[in-house]
Protein backbone atom coordinates (compact mmCIF):
# COMPACT_ATOMS: atom_id res chain seq x y z
CA MET A 1 75.28 87.08 141.88
CA ARG A 2 72.07 87.10 143.38
CA LYS A 3 68.57 87.30 141.63
CA ILE A 4 67.77 90.88 143.38
CA ASP A 5 71.17 92.18 142.08
CA LEU A 6 70.45 91.14 138.37
CA LEU A 7 66.47 92.29 138.28
CA PHE A 8 68.16 95.75 139.72
CA ALA A 9 70.83 95.84 137.00
CA GLU A 10 68.60 95.19 134.25
CA TYR A 11 66.30 97.90 135.75
CA SER A 12 69.13 100.06 136.19
CA GLU A 13 69.61 100.03 132.26
CA SER A 14 66.66 101.97 131.49
CA HIS A 15 66.85 104.59 134.74
CA ARG A 16 70.09 106.39 134.08
CA ASN A 17 68.99 110.06 132.97
CA ALA A 18 68.50 112.03 135.89
CA THR A 19 65.09 113.65 135.03
CA ASN A 20 63.85 110.11 134.30
CA LYS A 21 65.16 108.98 138.23
CA PHE A 22 63.93 112.32 139.34
CA ILE A 23 60.22 111.05 137.88
CA HIS A 24 60.46 107.66 138.78
CA TRP A 25 61.30 108.92 142.50
CA ILE A 26 58.11 110.52 142.91
CA CYS A 27 55.81 108.64 140.34
CA VAL A 28 56.49 104.93 141.01
CA PRO A 29 55.40 104.96 144.63
CA LEU A 30 52.43 107.05 143.73
CA ILE A 31 51.50 104.58 141.18
CA PHE A 32 52.50 101.68 143.82
CA TRP A 33 49.60 103.60 146.51
CA THR A 34 46.93 103.87 143.73
CA ILE A 35 47.23 100.43 143.12
CA LEU A 36 46.25 99.85 146.81
CA GLY A 37 43.63 102.12 146.46
CA PHE A 38 42.02 100.05 143.76
CA ILE A 39 42.63 97.06 145.56
CA SER A 40 40.96 98.43 148.36
CA TYR A 41 37.94 98.82 146.36
CA ILE A 42 37.20 95.25 145.33
CA PRO A 43 34.52 94.05 147.60
CA THR A 44 35.42 92.36 150.90
CA PRO A 45 34.85 92.52 154.43
CA ASN A 46 37.03 95.59 155.78
CA MET A 47 38.84 95.63 159.39
CA TYR A 48 38.71 98.26 161.13
CA LEU A 49 42.09 98.48 163.17
CA LYS A 50 42.25 101.12 166.10
CA TYR A 51 44.74 104.06 165.48
CA TYR A 52 45.39 102.85 161.69
CA GLY A 53 41.81 102.81 159.78
CA PHE A 54 40.06 100.50 157.26
CA LEU A 55 41.92 97.47 156.04
CA SER A 56 40.37 95.22 153.42
CA ILE A 57 40.30 91.57 152.66
CA ALA A 58 41.56 92.32 149.24
CA SER A 59 44.03 94.37 150.49
CA PHE A 60 45.46 92.30 152.94
CA ILE A 61 45.46 89.39 150.66
CA ALA A 62 47.32 91.29 147.87
CA ILE A 63 49.78 92.95 150.35
CA THR A 64 50.57 89.53 152.03
CA LEU A 65 51.16 87.64 147.97
CA VAL A 66 53.76 90.79 147.58
CA THR A 67 55.42 90.59 150.74
CA ILE A 68 56.00 86.56 149.58
CA PHE A 69 57.14 87.71 146.15
CA TYR A 70 60.12 90.22 147.97
CA PHE A 71 61.00 87.66 150.49
CA ARG A 72 61.91 85.23 147.30
CA LEU A 73 64.52 88.02 146.65
CA SER A 74 65.66 89.52 150.23
CA TRP A 75 64.10 89.12 153.39
CA ARG A 76 65.22 92.74 154.58
CA ILE A 77 63.44 94.09 151.76
CA ALA A 78 60.13 92.36 152.04
CA LEU A 79 60.19 93.37 155.47
CA ILE A 80 60.86 96.68 155.20
CA MET A 81 58.46 96.90 152.24
CA PHE A 82 55.54 94.98 154.24
CA PHE A 83 55.73 98.27 156.76
CA VAL A 84 55.60 100.49 153.41
CA MET A 85 52.63 99.10 152.35
CA LEU A 86 50.68 99.14 155.75
CA LEU A 87 51.62 102.75 155.61
CA MET A 88 50.36 103.45 152.51
CA GLU A 89 47.28 101.49 153.36
CA HIS A 90 46.64 103.69 156.16
CA PHE A 91 46.72 106.32 153.37
CA VAL A 92 44.65 104.78 150.94
CA SER A 93 41.71 104.35 154.10
CA LEU A 94 42.18 108.08 154.83
CA VAL A 95 41.25 108.63 151.55
CA ASN A 96 38.65 106.58 151.43
CA VAL A 97 37.13 107.72 154.45
CA THR A 98 37.83 111.67 153.28
CA PHE A 99 35.99 111.06 149.65
CA THR A 100 33.93 108.34 150.67
CA ARG A 101 32.45 106.76 147.22
CA LYS A 102 34.42 108.95 145.04
CA SER A 103 37.80 108.08 146.14
CA TRP A 104 38.27 106.28 143.11
CA ILE A 105 38.31 109.24 140.85
CA PHE A 106 41.14 110.41 142.85
CA PHE A 107 42.83 107.16 142.38
CA LEU A 108 42.34 107.52 139.31
CA ALA A 109 43.17 110.72 138.63
CA VAL A 110 46.73 110.49 140.34
CA PHE A 111 47.42 106.85 138.46
CA VAL A 112 46.78 108.13 134.73
CA ILE A 113 48.91 111.88 135.39
CA THR A 114 51.92 109.53 137.53
CA TRP A 115 52.20 106.99 134.49
CA ILE A 116 52.16 110.04 131.56
CA LEU A 117 54.86 111.32 134.28
CA GLN A 118 56.54 108.17 133.79
CA PHE A 119 56.49 107.63 129.98
CA VAL A 120 57.74 111.44 129.66
CA GLY A 121 60.17 110.63 131.66
CA HIS A 122 61.12 107.27 129.34
CA LYS A 123 60.56 109.34 126.31
CA ILE A 124 63.48 111.54 127.88
CA GLU A 125 65.83 108.78 128.65
CA GLY A 126 65.25 106.95 125.21
CA LYS A 127 64.69 103.71 126.56
CA LYS A 128 61.55 101.83 126.98
CA PRO A 129 60.05 100.77 130.50
CA SER A 130 61.38 97.31 132.13
CA PHE A 131 58.15 96.65 132.63
CA LEU A 132 56.96 95.89 128.66
CA LYS A 133 60.38 93.04 128.54
CA ASP A 134 58.69 91.31 132.27
CA LEU A 135 55.90 92.45 134.52
CA GLN A 136 57.49 91.63 137.44
CA PHE A 137 59.48 95.09 137.01
CA LEU A 138 56.01 96.58 137.95
CA LEU A 139 57.04 95.18 141.68
CA ILE A 140 60.53 96.12 141.04
CA GLY A 141 60.90 99.73 140.31
CA PRO A 142 59.77 100.00 144.55
CA ILE A 143 62.47 98.28 145.41
CA TRP A 144 64.99 99.52 143.57
CA LEU A 145 64.17 103.11 145.13
CA LEU A 146 64.35 101.69 148.31
CA SER A 147 67.78 99.86 147.71
CA PHE A 148 69.37 103.58 147.20
CA ILE A 149 67.84 104.49 150.31
CA LEU A 150 69.17 101.33 152.00
CA LYS A 151 72.52 101.78 150.97
CA LYS A 152 72.56 105.31 151.59
CA LEU A 153 72.06 103.77 155.23
CA GLY A 154 74.62 101.07 155.16
CA ILE A 155 72.07 98.62 155.13
CA LYS A 156 72.80 95.14 153.13
CA TYR A 157 69.42 94.09 151.37
């Protein structure tokens, strides 16, 4: 069995309850997005890309490192997540431009609320979050959700 399938199977063990899954479909992408928002605040130069917005060097490095992690599991998932992260980063840029210096408050509020909801979901599930056992599951959550979409579309990952 491939490593990615083993990780998905282990992640699935604490994500069987329908309510917990529903909460994860909302909260996991939002948490991932807010982390990109926090990374955009690391003081590094920004690149401006026409029709896209601003992309900080720190964000570019983070996206590259996460893509490498995903590539070691599945090149298809890595490629899709690279573009998903760029899309998320575009919305980070829009929030940063809209709220200027106060966007971190917005990211923090979304981050805290979504984590609270995540823990409520796990309380309902009756199982601890997977990342408490292994931190790599913080990066597995988003691609676990993506795997359901790919399966529905008949795309092998």
